[in-house]
Amino acid sequence: MKNLWFFDNVNLFNLLCPHKFKNYKKCHAFDSYNKSDYIYFEEDAANKVFLIEKGKIKLGYYTEDGTEVVKAILSKGELFGEKAILGEEKRNEFAQSLDNSTSICPIGVNVLHDLMRDNKTFSLKIYKFLGLRFKKLERRLQLILFKDTRTRFLEFMKELCEEYGYDCEKTGDKVIKHPYTQKDIASLIGTSRSNLNVLMNELKEENIINFNRKEIRLL
């Protein structure tokens, strides 16, 4: 998947954003956020879903002892806050901007329900998206709970390969051009950045991966 801006071969932004629909264009605007700004907090009212027009968003929650747990890091073209579609009244997570000049397209749940009611194909794609998102999250939580760090990392690389990878014609390597920092990856697989750095260098010495700031290669 070389293109970060689509879902099931459909441009999510073109499909969902209300400013693309004549009846909603006048009452629609984009919201801008800087790095570390919150889009919403836990316990906030869940009356909107959000599309990322530009930037990266972190979703997570805090445990009772204040530990931050990262559920997902999303980038351009992706949807979040989607549980509001299914009737969630209050957020059980926070959403935070990771980039400066992040641009978000907010969509009222009532508006989205109207669009879904008027277009069955659109509605089916939304439910398919929700199913895939929950399945992906469940799989990641299972990895964090039951697998060691090395296994979690390699499984996450397989996941990234499906989303952002391609075959190098010259070497046959799987090349993953991804939007994550090492800190992002460490958060998503439930380890520290220092432990991840040690692990990645061990795998590099074992000739399993190679990497730089912009890509990871599965050798």
N, C-alpha and C. Protein backbone atom coordinates (compact mmCIF):
# COMPACT_ATOMS: atom_id res chain seq x y z
N MET A 1 0.84 -1.18 0.00
CA MET A 1 0.00 0.00 0.00
C MET A 1 0.88 1.24 0.00
N LYS A 2 1.19 1.75 -1.18
CA LYS A 2 2.07 2.89 -1.27
C LYS A 2 1.34 4.19 -0.97
N ASN A 3 0.04 4.21 -1.21
CA ASN A 3 -0.73 5.44 -1.02
C ASN A 3 -1.33 5.47 0.37
N LEU A 4 -0.99 6.50 1.17
CA LEU A 4 -1.50 6.59 2.54
C LEU A 4 -2.90 7.19 2.60
N TRP A 5 -3.46 7.56 1.47
CA TRP A 5 -4.66 8.40 1.44
C TRP A 5 -5.84 7.62 0.87
N PHE A 6 -5.99 6.37 1.22
CA PHE A 6 -7.15 5.64 0.73
C PHE A 6 -7.54 4.52 1.66
N PHE A 7 -8.79 4.11 1.52
CA PHE A 7 -9.29 2.95 2.24
C PHE A 7 -10.08 2.11 1.26
N ASP A 8 -9.63 0.85 1.08
CA ASP A 8 -10.33 -0.04 0.16
C ASP A 8 -10.48 0.58 -1.23
N ASN A 9 -9.37 1.20 -1.69
CA ASN A 9 -9.31 1.83 -3.01
C ASN A 9 -10.23 3.04 -3.15
N VAL A 10 -10.67 3.61 -2.05
CA VAL A 10 -11.50 4.81 -2.08
C VAL A 10 -10.81 5.90 -1.27
N ASN A 11 -10.74 7.11 -1.83
CA ASN A 11 -10.15 8.23 -1.11
C ASN A 11 -11.08 8.62 0.03
N LEU A 12 -10.67 8.32 1.26
CA LEU A 12 -11.53 8.59 2.43
C LEU A 12 -11.92 10.06 2.53
N PHE A 13 -10.96 10.92 2.28
CA PHE A 13 -11.23 12.35 2.41
C PHE A 13 -12.29 12.79 1.39
N ASN A 14 -12.12 12.37 0.14
CA ASN A 14 -13.11 12.71 -0.89
C ASN A 14 -14.47 12.10 -0.59
N LEU A 15 -14.46 10.92 0.02
CA LEU A 15 -15.71 10.22 0.29
C LEU A 15 -16.45 10.80 1.48
N LEU A 16 -15.72 11.16 2.54
CA LEU A 16 -16.35 11.52 3.80
C LEU A 16 -16.49 13.01 4.07
N CYS A 17 -15.51 13.80 3.66
CA CYS A 17 -15.46 15.19 4.09
C CYS A 17 -16.71 15.95 3.66
N PRO A 18 -17.46 16.56 4.61
CA PRO A 18 -18.71 17.24 4.28
C PRO A 18 -18.59 18.38 3.28
N HIS A 19 -17.39 19.00 3.18
CA HIS A 19 -17.29 20.10 2.22
C HIS A 19 -17.35 19.61 0.78
N LYS A 20 -17.29 18.29 0.59
CA LYS A 20 -17.46 17.72 -0.74
C LYS A 20 -18.95 17.59 -1.11
N PHE A 21 -19.83 17.76 -0.11
CA PHE A 21 -21.26 17.60 -0.35
C PHE A 21 -21.95 18.97 -0.30
N LYS A 22 -22.67 19.28 -1.33
CA LYS A 22 -23.27 20.61 -1.50
C LYS A 22 -24.10 21.05 -0.30
N ASN A 23 -24.90 20.14 0.25
CA ASN A 23 -25.82 20.51 1.34
C ASN A 23 -25.10 20.84 2.65
N TYR A 24 -23.83 20.42 2.78
CA TYR A 24 -23.12 20.61 4.03
C TYR A 24 -21.94 21.58 3.91
N LYS A 25 -21.66 22.02 2.70
CA LYS A 25 -20.44 22.79 2.45
C LYS A 25 -20.39 24.10 3.24
N LYS A 26 -21.53 24.81 3.32
CA LYS A 26 -21.54 26.15 3.93
C LYS A 26 -21.26 26.11 5.43
N CYS A 27 -21.65 25.04 6.09
CA CYS A 27 -21.52 25.00 7.54
C CYS A 27 -20.29 24.20 7.99
N HIS A 28 -19.34 24.00 7.08
CA HIS A 28 -18.20 23.14 7.39
C HIS A 28 -16.89 23.91 7.40
N ALA A 29 -16.02 23.59 8.35
CA ALA A 29 -14.70 24.23 8.43
C ALA A 29 -13.69 23.21 8.95
N PHE A 30 -12.40 23.50 8.72
CA PHE A 30 -11.33 22.66 9.22
C PHE A 30 -10.80 23.24 10.54
N ASP A 31 -10.27 22.36 11.40
CA ASP A 31 -9.66 22.78 12.65
C ASP A 31 -8.16 22.54 12.58
N SER A 32 -7.38 23.49 13.10
CA SER A 32 -5.92 23.39 13.09
C SER A 32 -5.39 23.17 14.50
N TYR A 33 -4.33 22.35 14.62
CA TYR A 33 -3.72 22.05 15.91
C TYR A 33 -2.20 22.08 15.79
N ASN A 34 -1.54 22.45 16.87
CA ASN A 34 -0.09 22.38 16.95
C ASN A 34 0.33 21.11 17.67
N LYS A 35 1.63 20.85 17.67
CA LYS A 35 2.14 19.66 18.34
C LYS A 35 1.77 19.67 19.82
N SER A 36 1.30 18.53 20.32
CA SER A 36 0.90 18.30 21.71
C SER A 36 -0.49 18.83 22.04
N ASP A 37 -1.15 19.53 21.11
CA ASP A 37 -2.54 19.94 21.35
C ASP A 37 -3.45 18.72 21.37
N TYR A 38 -4.49 18.77 22.20
CA TYR A 38 -5.46 17.68 22.28
C TYR A 38 -6.69 18.02 21.43
N ILE A 39 -7.14 17.03 20.67
CA ILE A 39 -8.39 17.18 19.92
C ILE A 39 -9.56 16.88 20.85
N TYR A 40 -9.41 15.85 21.68
CA TYR A 40 -10.38 15.59 22.74
C TYR A 40 -9.71 14.79 23.85
N PHE A 41 -10.37 14.79 25.02
CA PHE A 41 -9.88 14.09 26.19
C PHE A 41 -10.84 12.94 26.55
N GLU A 42 -10.36 12.06 27.43
CA GLU A 42 -11.25 11.04 27.99
C GLU A 42 -12.41 11.73 28.70
N GLU A 43 -13.58 11.17 28.55
CA GLU A 43 -14.82 11.66 29.15
C GLU A 43 -15.44 12.84 28.40
N ASP A 44 -14.80 13.34 27.34
CA ASP A 44 -15.45 14.37 26.52
C ASP A 44 -16.64 13.76 25.79
N ALA A 45 -17.60 14.61 25.42
CA ALA A 45 -18.76 14.15 24.66
C ALA A 45 -18.33 13.61 23.30
N ALA A 46 -18.88 12.47 22.92
CA ALA A 46 -18.54 11.84 21.64
C ALA A 46 -19.63 12.17 20.61
N ASN A 47 -19.55 13.36 20.05
CA ASN A 47 -20.57 13.77 19.08
C ASN A 47 -20.01 14.07 17.70
N LYS A 48 -18.73 13.72 17.48
CA LYS A 48 -18.10 13.94 16.18
C LYS A 48 -17.14 12.81 15.86
N VAL A 49 -16.88 12.62 14.58
CA VAL A 49 -15.76 11.82 14.13
C VAL A 49 -14.82 12.77 13.39
N PHE A 50 -13.59 12.31 13.15
CA PHE A 50 -12.58 13.23 12.61
C PHE A 50 -11.77 12.58 11.51
N LEU A 51 -11.50 13.36 10.46
CA LEU A 51 -10.61 12.94 9.39
C LEU A 51 -9.33 13.75 9.46
N ILE A 52 -8.20 13.12 9.26
CA ILE A 52 -6.92 13.83 9.28
C ILE A 52 -6.61 14.32 7.87
N GLU A 53 -6.64 15.63 7.70
CA GLU A 53 -6.30 16.21 6.41
C GLU A 53 -4.79 16.36 6.27
N LYS A 54 -4.11 16.61 7.41
CA LYS A 54 -2.66 16.77 7.41
C LYS A 54 -2.14 16.55 8.82
N GLY A 55 -1.00 15.84 8.94
CA GLY A 55 -0.40 15.64 10.25
C GLY A 55 -0.58 14.23 10.78
N LYS A 56 -0.21 14.04 12.07
CA LYS A 56 -0.34 12.75 12.74
C LYS A 56 -1.06 12.93 14.08
N ILE A 57 -1.84 11.91 14.45
CA ILE A 57 -2.63 11.93 15.67
C ILE A 57 -2.32 10.69 16.50
N LYS A 58 -2.16 10.89 17.81
CA LYS A 58 -1.96 9.78 18.74
C LYS A 58 -3.24 9.55 19.52
N LEU A 59 -3.67 8.29 19.59
CA LEU A 59 -4.82 7.90 20.40
C LEU A 59 -4.32 7.06 21.57
N GLY A 60 -4.84 7.32 22.76
CA GLY A 60 -4.41 6.54 23.91
C GLY A 60 -5.25 6.82 25.14
N TYR A 61 -4.83 6.26 26.26
CA TYR A 61 -5.51 6.50 27.53
C TYR A 61 -4.48 6.38 28.66
N TYR A 62 -4.89 6.78 29.85
CA TYR A 62 -4.01 6.71 31.01
C TYR A 62 -4.55 5.69 32.00
N THR A 63 -3.65 4.87 32.54
CA THR A 63 -4.03 3.91 33.56
C THR A 63 -4.20 4.63 34.90
N GLU A 64 -4.65 3.90 35.91
CA GLU A 64 -4.89 4.51 37.23
C GLU A 64 -3.62 5.10 37.83
N ASP A 65 -2.46 4.51 37.50
CA ASP A 65 -1.21 5.04 38.06
C ASP A 65 -0.59 6.13 37.17
N GLY A 66 -1.33 6.55 36.15
CA GLY A 66 -0.86 7.65 35.30
C GLY A 66 -0.02 7.24 34.12
N THR A 67 0.14 5.94 33.89
CA THR A 67 0.92 5.47 32.75
C THR A 67 0.14 5.68 31.45
N GLU A 68 0.80 6.23 30.45
CA GLU A 68 0.17 6.44 29.16
C GLU A 68 0.23 5.16 28.33
N VAL A 69 -0.90 4.75 27.78
CA VAL A 69 -0.98 3.60 26.89
C VAL A 69 -1.41 4.10 25.51
N VAL A 70 -0.57 3.88 24.50
CA VAL A 70 -0.86 4.34 23.15
C VAL A 70 -1.60 3.25 22.39
N LYS A 71 -2.78 3.57 21.89
CA LYS A 71 -3.59 2.60 21.15
C LYS A 71 -3.29 2.62 19.66
N ALA A 72 -3.03 3.81 19.13
CA ALA A 72 -2.80 3.92 17.69
C ALA A 72 -2.16 5.27 17.39
N ILE A 73 -1.43 5.31 16.29
CA ILE A 73 -0.91 6.56 15.74
C ILE A 73 -1.38 6.62 14.29
N LEU A 74 -2.13 7.64 13.96
CA LEU A 74 -2.79 7.73 12.66
C LEU A 74 -2.22 8.90 11.88
N SER A 75 -2.30 8.81 10.56
CA SER A 75 -1.73 9.85 9.71
C SER A 75 -2.73 10.27 8.65
N LYS A 76 -2.26 11.07 7.73
CA LYS A 76 -3.07 11.71 6.68
C LYS A 76 -4.09 10.76 6.06
N GLY A 77 -5.35 11.21 6.05
CA GLY A 77 -6.41 10.45 5.39
C GLY A 77 -7.16 9.49 6.28
N GLU A 78 -6.68 9.29 7.52
CA GLU A 78 -7.32 8.30 8.39
C GLU A 78 -8.41 8.93 9.27
N LEU A 79 -9.28 8.06 9.74
CA LEU A 79 -10.45 8.45 10.53
C LEU A 79 -10.24 8.07 11.99
N PHE A 80 -10.69 8.90 12.92
CA PHE A 80 -10.67 8.52 14.34
C PHE A 80 -11.89 9.10 15.05
N GLY A 81 -12.11 8.62 16.29
CA GLY A 81 -13.33 8.98 17.02
C GLY A 81 -14.53 8.23 16.51
N GLU A 82 -14.27 7.12 15.78
CA GLU A 82 -15.33 6.43 15.04
C GLU A 82 -16.35 5.72 15.91
N LYS A 83 -16.03 5.46 17.20
CA LYS A 83 -17.00 4.77 18.06
C LYS A 83 -18.25 5.60 18.31
N ALA A 84 -18.15 6.91 18.05
CA ALA A 84 -19.33 7.77 18.16
C ALA A 84 -20.40 7.35 17.16
N ILE A 85 -19.99 6.76 16.03
CA ILE A 85 -20.94 6.30 15.03
C ILE A 85 -21.84 5.22 15.60
N LEU A 86 -21.27 4.42 16.52
CA LEU A 86 -21.99 3.27 17.07
C LEU A 86 -22.73 3.61 18.35
N GLY A 87 -22.74 4.90 18.72
CA GLY A 87 -23.53 5.31 19.88
C GLY A 87 -22.75 5.63 21.13
N GLU A 88 -21.41 5.61 21.06
CA GLU A 88 -20.63 6.00 22.23
C GLU A 88 -20.96 7.44 22.61
N GLU A 89 -21.26 7.68 23.87
CA GLU A 89 -21.64 9.02 24.32
C GLU A 89 -20.47 9.81 24.89
N LYS A 90 -19.50 9.10 25.51
CA LYS A 90 -18.32 9.76 26.06
C LYS A 90 -17.06 9.05 25.58
N ARG A 91 -16.00 9.83 25.38
CA ARG A 91 -14.74 9.25 24.91
C ARG A 91 -14.09 8.40 26.00
N ASN A 92 -13.51 7.28 25.60
CA ASN A 92 -12.74 6.47 26.55
C ASN A 92 -11.25 6.50 26.19
N GLU A 93 -10.85 7.53 25.44
CA GLU A 93 -9.47 7.71 25.02
C GLU A 93 -9.22 9.19 24.80
N PHE A 94 -7.97 9.57 24.64
CA PHE A 94 -7.65 10.93 24.22
C PHE A 94 -7.11 10.90 22.79
N ALA A 95 -7.18 12.04 22.11
CA ALA A 95 -6.60 12.20 20.79
C ALA A 95 -5.72 13.44 20.83
N GLN A 96 -4.44 13.28 20.45
CA GLN A 96 -3.47 14.36 20.58
C GLN A 96 -2.68 14.53 19.28
N SER A 97 -2.47 15.77 18.88
CA SER A 97 -1.67 16.06 17.68
C SER A 97 -0.20 15.79 17.95
N LEU A 98 0.47 15.15 17.00
CA LEU A 98 1.91 14.90 17.11
C LEU A 98 2.73 15.81 16.21
N ASP A 99 2.07 16.59 15.38
CA ASP A 99 2.77 17.47 14.44
C ASP A 99 2.30 18.90 14.61
N ASN A 100 3.15 19.84 14.24
CA ASN A 100 2.71 21.22 14.10
C ASN A 100 1.90 21.35 12.81
N SER A 101 0.96 22.27 12.79
CA SER A 101 0.12 22.50 11.61
C SER A 101 -0.70 21.28 11.23
N THR A 102 -1.18 20.53 12.21
CA THR A 102 -2.10 19.43 11.94
C THR A 102 -3.46 20.01 11.56
N SER A 103 -4.06 19.44 10.53
CA SER A 103 -5.36 19.91 10.07
C SER A 103 -6.37 18.77 10.13
N ILE A 104 -7.50 19.02 10.79
CA ILE A 104 -8.50 17.99 11.05
C ILE A 104 -9.84 18.42 10.47
N CYS A 105 -10.52 17.47 9.85
CA CYS A 105 -11.88 17.69 9.35
C CYS A 105 -12.85 17.05 10.33
N PRO A 106 -13.57 17.84 11.15
CA PRO A 106 -14.55 17.27 12.07
C PRO A 106 -15.88 17.02 11.37
N ILE A 107 -16.50 15.91 11.68
CA ILE A 107 -17.78 15.56 11.07
C ILE A 107 -18.77 15.23 12.18
N GLY A 108 -19.85 15.98 12.29
CA GLY A 108 -20.86 15.69 13.28
C GLY A 108 -21.48 14.31 13.05
N VAL A 109 -21.74 13.59 14.12
CA VAL A 109 -22.31 12.24 14.00
C VAL A 109 -23.64 12.28 13.24
N ASN A 110 -24.45 13.28 13.50
CA ASN A 110 -25.73 13.39 12.79
C ASN A 110 -25.53 13.56 11.29
N VAL A 111 -24.52 14.36 10.92
CA VAL A 111 -24.21 14.55 9.50
C VAL A 111 -23.78 13.23 8.87
N LEU A 112 -22.89 12.50 9.57
CA LEU A 112 -22.41 11.22 9.05
C LEU A 112 -23.54 10.21 8.93
N HIS A 113 -24.43 10.18 9.92
CA HIS A 113 -25.58 9.27 9.85
C HIS A 113 -26.47 9.61 8.66
N ASP A 114 -26.65 10.90 8.37
CA ASP A 114 -27.43 11.31 7.20
C ASP A 114 -26.78 10.80 5.92
N LEU A 115 -25.47 10.96 5.82
CA LEU A 115 -24.75 10.50 4.63
C LEU A 115 -24.85 8.98 4.48
N MET A 116 -24.76 8.27 5.60
CA MET A 116 -24.85 6.81 5.57
C MET A 116 -26.26 6.36 5.17
N ARG A 117 -27.26 7.07 5.66
CA ARG A 117 -28.65 6.72 5.36
C ARG A 117 -28.96 6.94 3.88
N ASP A 118 -28.33 7.94 3.29
CA ASP A 118 -28.62 8.29 1.90
C ASP A 118 -27.81 7.48 0.89
N ASN A 119 -26.81 6.75 1.37
CA ASN A 119 -25.93 6.03 0.44
C ASN A 119 -25.54 4.69 1.05
N LYS A 120 -26.15 3.61 0.56
CA LYS A 120 -25.91 2.28 1.12
C LYS A 120 -24.47 1.82 0.91
N THR A 121 -23.91 2.11 -0.25
CA THR A 121 -22.52 1.72 -0.51
C THR A 121 -21.58 2.41 0.46
N PHE A 122 -21.81 3.69 0.66
CA PHE A 122 -21.04 4.47 1.62
C PHE A 122 -21.18 3.87 3.02
N SER A 123 -22.39 3.52 3.41
CA SER A 123 -22.65 2.96 4.72
C SER A 123 -21.91 1.64 4.92
N LEU A 124 -21.92 0.77 3.92
CA LEU A 124 -21.22 -0.51 4.02
C LEU A 124 -19.73 -0.32 4.18
N LYS A 125 -19.17 0.65 3.49
CA LYS A 125 -17.75 0.91 3.61
C LYS A 125 -17.38 1.41 5.00
N ILE A 126 -18.25 2.22 5.59
CA ILE A 126 -18.01 2.69 6.94
C ILE A 126 -17.99 1.52 7.92
N TYR A 127 -18.96 0.62 7.82
CA TYR A 127 -19.01 -0.51 8.75
C TYR A 127 -17.86 -1.48 8.52
N LYS A 128 -17.45 -1.62 7.26
CA LYS A 128 -16.29 -2.47 6.98
C LYS A 128 -15.04 -1.85 7.61
N PHE A 129 -14.91 -0.55 7.48
CA PHE A 129 -13.79 0.15 8.09
C PHE A 129 -13.77 -0.06 9.60
N LEU A 130 -14.93 0.08 10.25
CA LEU A 130 -15.01 -0.09 11.70
C LEU A 130 -14.59 -1.50 12.11
N GLY A 131 -15.06 -2.48 11.36
CA GLY A 131 -14.70 -3.87 11.67
C GLY A 131 -13.21 -4.11 11.57
N LEU A 132 -12.58 -3.58 10.52
CA LEU A 132 -11.14 -3.75 10.34
C LEU A 132 -10.36 -3.02 11.43
N ARG A 133 -10.82 -1.83 11.81
CA ARG A 133 -10.13 -1.06 12.85
C ARG A 133 -10.17 -1.80 14.19
N PHE A 134 -11.33 -2.35 14.56
CA PHE A 134 -11.44 -3.06 15.84
C PHE A 134 -10.63 -4.36 15.82
N LYS A 135 -10.62 -5.04 14.67
CA LYS A 135 -9.85 -6.28 14.56
C LYS A 135 -8.35 -6.00 14.70
N LYS A 136 -7.91 -4.92 14.09
CA LYS A 136 -6.49 -4.55 14.16
C LYS A 136 -6.09 -4.20 15.59
N LEU A 137 -6.94 -3.45 16.28
CA LEU A 137 -6.65 -3.07 17.66
C LEU A 137 -6.62 -4.28 18.57
N GLU A 138 -7.57 -5.20 18.39
CA GLU A 138 -7.62 -6.41 19.20
C GLU A 138 -6.35 -7.24 19.01
N ARG A 139 -5.88 -7.34 17.77
CA ARG A 139 -4.67 -8.11 17.48
C ARG A 139 -3.45 -7.47 18.15
N ARG A 140 -3.37 -6.14 18.12
CA ARG A 140 -2.23 -5.47 18.74
C ARG A 140 -2.24 -5.65 20.25
N LEU A 141 -3.41 -5.58 20.88
CA LEU A 141 -3.50 -5.77 22.32
C LEU A 141 -3.12 -7.19 22.72
N GLN A 142 -3.49 -8.17 21.90
CA GLN A 142 -3.11 -9.55 22.18
C GLN A 142 -1.60 -9.73 22.12
N LEU A 143 -0.96 -9.06 21.15
CA LEU A 143 0.49 -9.14 21.04
C LEU A 143 1.17 -8.55 22.27
N ILE A 144 0.68 -7.39 22.72
CA ILE A 144 1.28 -6.72 23.87
C ILE A 144 1.13 -7.56 25.13
N LEU A 145 -0.03 -8.23 25.28
CA LEU A 145 -0.30 -9.00 26.49
C LEU A 145 0.44 -10.32 26.53
N PHE A 146 0.61 -10.99 25.38
CA PHE A 146 1.05 -12.37 25.40
C PHE A 146 2.38 -12.66 24.69
N LYS A 147 2.98 -11.68 24.04
CA LYS A 147 4.22 -11.93 23.30
C LYS A 147 5.38 -11.12 23.85
N ASP A 148 6.62 -11.62 23.63
CA ASP A 148 7.79 -10.86 24.05
C ASP A 148 8.05 -9.71 23.08
N THR A 149 8.95 -8.81 23.48
CA THR A 149 9.18 -7.58 22.70
C THR A 149 9.65 -7.88 21.28
N ARG A 150 10.53 -8.84 21.13
CA ARG A 150 11.04 -9.19 19.80
C ARG A 150 9.90 -9.63 18.89
N THR A 151 9.04 -10.51 19.40
CA THR A 151 7.91 -11.00 18.61
C THR A 151 6.95 -9.86 18.28
N ARG A 152 6.68 -8.99 19.27
CA ARG A 152 5.78 -7.86 19.04
C ARG A 152 6.32 -6.95 17.94
N PHE A 153 7.61 -6.72 17.95
CA PHE A 153 8.21 -5.86 16.93
C PHE A 153 8.10 -6.48 15.54
N LEU A 154 8.46 -7.77 15.43
CA LEU A 154 8.43 -8.42 14.12
C LEU A 154 7.01 -8.54 13.58
N GLU A 155 6.04 -8.79 14.47
CA GLU A 155 4.64 -8.83 14.04
C GLU A 155 4.17 -7.45 13.59
N PHE A 156 4.62 -6.42 14.28
CA PHE A 156 4.26 -5.06 13.89
C PHE A 156 4.88 -4.71 12.55
N MET A 157 6.10 -5.22 12.28
CA MET A 157 6.72 -4.99 10.97
C MET A 157 5.90 -5.64 9.85
N LYS A 158 5.35 -6.81 10.13
CA LYS A 158 4.50 -7.47 9.13
C LYS A 158 3.26 -6.61 8.85
N GLU A 159 2.71 -6.03 9.91
CA GLU A 159 1.55 -5.18 9.77
C GLU A 159 1.89 -3.93 8.96
N LEU A 160 3.03 -3.31 9.26
CA LEU A 160 3.45 -2.14 8.50
C LEU A 160 3.73 -2.49 7.05
N CYS A 161 4.26 -3.68 6.84
CA CYS A 161 4.55 -4.12 5.48
C CYS A 161 3.28 -4.21 4.64
N GLU A 162 2.20 -4.67 5.26
CA GLU A 162 0.92 -4.76 4.55
C GLU A 162 0.40 -3.37 4.20
N GLU A 163 0.66 -2.38 5.07
CA GLU A 163 0.11 -1.05 4.86
C GLU A 163 1.01 -0.16 3.99
N TYR A 164 2.34 -0.26 4.22
CA TYR A 164 3.25 0.70 3.59
C TYR A 164 4.38 0.05 2.80
N GLY A 165 4.39 -1.29 2.72
CA GLY A 165 5.54 -1.97 2.12
C GLY A 165 5.43 -2.26 0.64
N TYR A 166 6.60 -2.50 0.05
CA TYR A 166 6.67 -2.95 -1.34
C TYR A 166 7.95 -3.75 -1.53
N ASP A 167 8.02 -4.52 -2.60
CA ASP A 167 9.19 -5.35 -2.89
C ASP A 167 10.23 -4.54 -3.66
N CYS A 168 11.47 -4.58 -3.19
CA CYS A 168 12.57 -3.94 -3.91
C CYS A 168 12.96 -4.83 -5.09
N GLU A 169 12.86 -4.29 -6.30
CA GLU A 169 13.13 -5.07 -7.50
C GLU A 169 14.58 -5.55 -7.56
N LYS A 170 15.51 -4.76 -7.04
CA LYS A 170 16.93 -5.10 -7.14
C LYS A 170 17.35 -6.17 -6.13
N THR A 171 16.85 -6.06 -4.89
CA THR A 171 17.32 -6.95 -3.83
C THR A 171 16.30 -7.99 -3.38
N GLY A 172 15.01 -7.75 -3.65
CA GLY A 172 13.97 -8.65 -3.17
C GLY A 172 13.57 -8.38 -1.73
N ASP A 173 14.19 -7.36 -1.11
CA ASP A 173 13.82 -6.99 0.27
C ASP A 173 12.41 -6.42 0.30
N LYS A 174 11.78 -6.55 1.46
CA LYS A 174 10.53 -5.84 1.71
C LYS A 174 10.89 -4.46 2.26
N VAL A 175 10.52 -3.42 1.55
CA VAL A 175 10.85 -2.06 1.96
C VAL A 175 9.60 -1.40 2.55
N ILE A 176 9.72 -0.88 3.77
CA ILE A 176 8.60 -0.25 4.45
C ILE A 176 8.89 1.24 4.61
N LYS A 177 8.23 2.07 3.82
CA LYS A 177 8.33 3.52 3.96
C LYS A 177 7.14 3.97 4.81
N HIS A 178 7.39 4.24 6.08
CA HIS A 178 6.32 4.43 7.06
C HIS A 178 6.38 5.84 7.66
N PRO A 179 5.31 6.28 8.34
CA PRO A 179 5.29 7.63 8.92
C PRO A 179 5.70 7.70 10.38
N TYR A 180 6.23 6.59 10.96
CA TYR A 180 6.46 6.54 12.40
C TYR A 180 7.90 6.86 12.78
N THR A 181 8.07 7.45 13.96
CA THR A 181 9.37 7.58 14.58
C THR A 181 9.63 6.35 15.44
N GLN A 182 10.88 6.19 15.91
CA GLN A 182 11.16 5.08 16.82
C GLN A 182 10.33 5.20 18.10
N LYS A 183 10.12 6.43 18.55
CA LYS A 183 9.30 6.64 19.74
C LYS A 183 7.87 6.17 19.50
N ASP A 184 7.32 6.46 18.31
CA ASP A 184 5.98 5.99 17.95
C ASP A 184 5.90 4.47 18.00
N ILE A 185 6.88 3.82 17.37
CA ILE A 185 6.87 2.36 17.30
C ILE A 185 6.99 1.75 18.69
N ALA A 186 7.88 2.32 19.50
CA ALA A 186 8.05 1.82 20.87
C ALA A 186 6.74 1.90 21.65
N SER A 187 6.03 3.02 21.50
CA SER A 187 4.75 3.18 22.20
C SER A 187 3.73 2.15 21.73
N LEU A 188 3.70 1.90 20.44
CA LEU A 188 2.69 1.00 19.88
C LEU A 188 2.92 -0.46 20.22
N ILE A 189 4.18 -0.85 20.48
CA ILE A 189 4.43 -2.25 20.82
C ILE A 189 4.67 -2.43 22.32
N GLY A 190 4.51 -1.35 23.08
CA GLY A 190 4.58 -1.46 24.53
C GLY A 190 5.98 -1.66 25.09
N THR A 191 6.95 -0.88 24.62
CA THR A 191 8.30 -0.94 25.16
C THR A 191 8.87 0.47 25.21
N SER A 192 10.10 0.60 25.72
CA SER A 192 10.74 1.92 25.76
C SER A 192 11.52 2.15 24.47
N ARG A 193 11.79 3.41 24.19
CA ARG A 193 12.56 3.75 22.99
C ARG A 193 13.97 3.15 23.06
N SER A 194 14.59 3.18 24.24
CA SER A 194 15.95 2.63 24.38
C SER A 194 15.96 1.13 24.14
N ASN A 195 14.96 0.41 24.67
CA ASN A 195 14.89 -1.04 24.44
C ASN A 195 14.66 -1.35 22.97
N LEU A 196 13.82 -0.54 22.32
CA LEU A 196 13.56 -0.75 20.90
C LEU A 196 14.83 -0.53 20.10
N ASN A 197 15.59 0.50 20.43
CA ASN A 197 16.82 0.79 19.70
C ASN A 197 17.81 -0.37 19.82
N VAL A 198 17.93 -0.93 21.03
CA VAL A 198 18.81 -2.09 21.23
C VAL A 198 18.33 -3.27 20.39
N LEU A 199 17.02 -3.54 20.42
CA LEU A 199 16.45 -4.66 19.67
C LEU A 199 16.67 -4.49 18.17
N MET A 200 16.43 -3.30 17.64
CA MET A 200 16.58 -3.09 16.20
C MET A 200 18.02 -3.26 15.76
N ASN A 201 18.96 -2.83 16.59
CA ASN A 201 20.37 -3.01 16.25
C ASN A 201 20.78 -4.48 16.32
N GLU A 202 20.19 -5.23 17.27
CA GLU A 202 20.45 -6.68 17.33
C GLU A 202 19.93 -7.37 16.07
N LEU A 203 18.72 -7.00 15.64
CA LEU A 203 18.15 -7.60 14.43
C LEU A 203 18.94 -7.19 13.19
N LYS A 204 19.50 -6.01 13.21
CA LYS A 204 20.34 -5.57 12.10
C LYS A 204 21.62 -6.40 12.03
N GLU A 205 22.23 -6.67 13.20
CA GLU A 205 23.43 -7.49 13.25
C GLU A 205 23.14 -8.92 12.82
N GLU A 206 21.92 -9.39 13.08
CA GLU A 206 21.52 -10.74 12.67
C GLU A 206 21.09 -10.79 11.21
N ASN A 207 21.18 -9.64 10.53
CA ASN A 207 20.83 -9.54 9.11
C ASN A 207 19.36 -9.86 8.85
N ILE A 208 18.50 -9.49 9.81
CA ILE A 208 17.06 -9.68 9.66
C ILE A 208 16.41 -8.40 9.14
N ILE A 209 16.90 -7.24 9.61
CA ILE A 209 16.39 -5.96 9.12
C ILE A 209 17.55 -5.02 8.85
N ASN A 210 17.25 -3.97 8.11
CA ASN A 210 18.12 -2.81 7.99
C ASN A 210 17.21 -1.59 8.07
N PHE A 211 17.72 -0.46 8.50
CA PHE A 211 16.82 0.67 8.69
C PHE A 211 17.56 1.99 8.67
N ASN A 212 16.81 3.03 8.35
CA ASN A 212 17.25 4.41 8.54
C ASN A 212 16.02 5.19 9.01
N ARG A 213 16.11 6.51 9.04
CA ARG A 213 15.01 7.31 9.58
C ARG A 213 13.75 7.21 8.74
N LYS A 214 13.89 6.93 7.44
CA LYS A 214 12.74 6.99 6.54
C LYS A 214 12.18 5.63 6.19
N GLU A 215 12.94 4.55 6.39
CA GLU A 215 12.45 3.24 5.97
C GLU A 215 13.06 2.12 6.79
N ILE A 216 12.35 0.99 6.78
CA ILE A 216 12.85 -0.24 7.37
C ILE A 216 12.82 -1.31 6.28
N ARG A 217 13.88 -2.08 6.18
CA ARG A 217 13.93 -3.18 5.20
C ARG A 217 13.91 -4.51 5.92
N LEU A 218 13.02 -5.40 5.49
CA LEU A 218 13.02 -6.78 5.97
C LEU A 218 13.85 -7.58 4.97
N LEU A 219 15.01 -8.08 5.44
CA LEU A 219 15.97 -8.69 4.53
C LEU A 219 15.65 -10.16 4.27
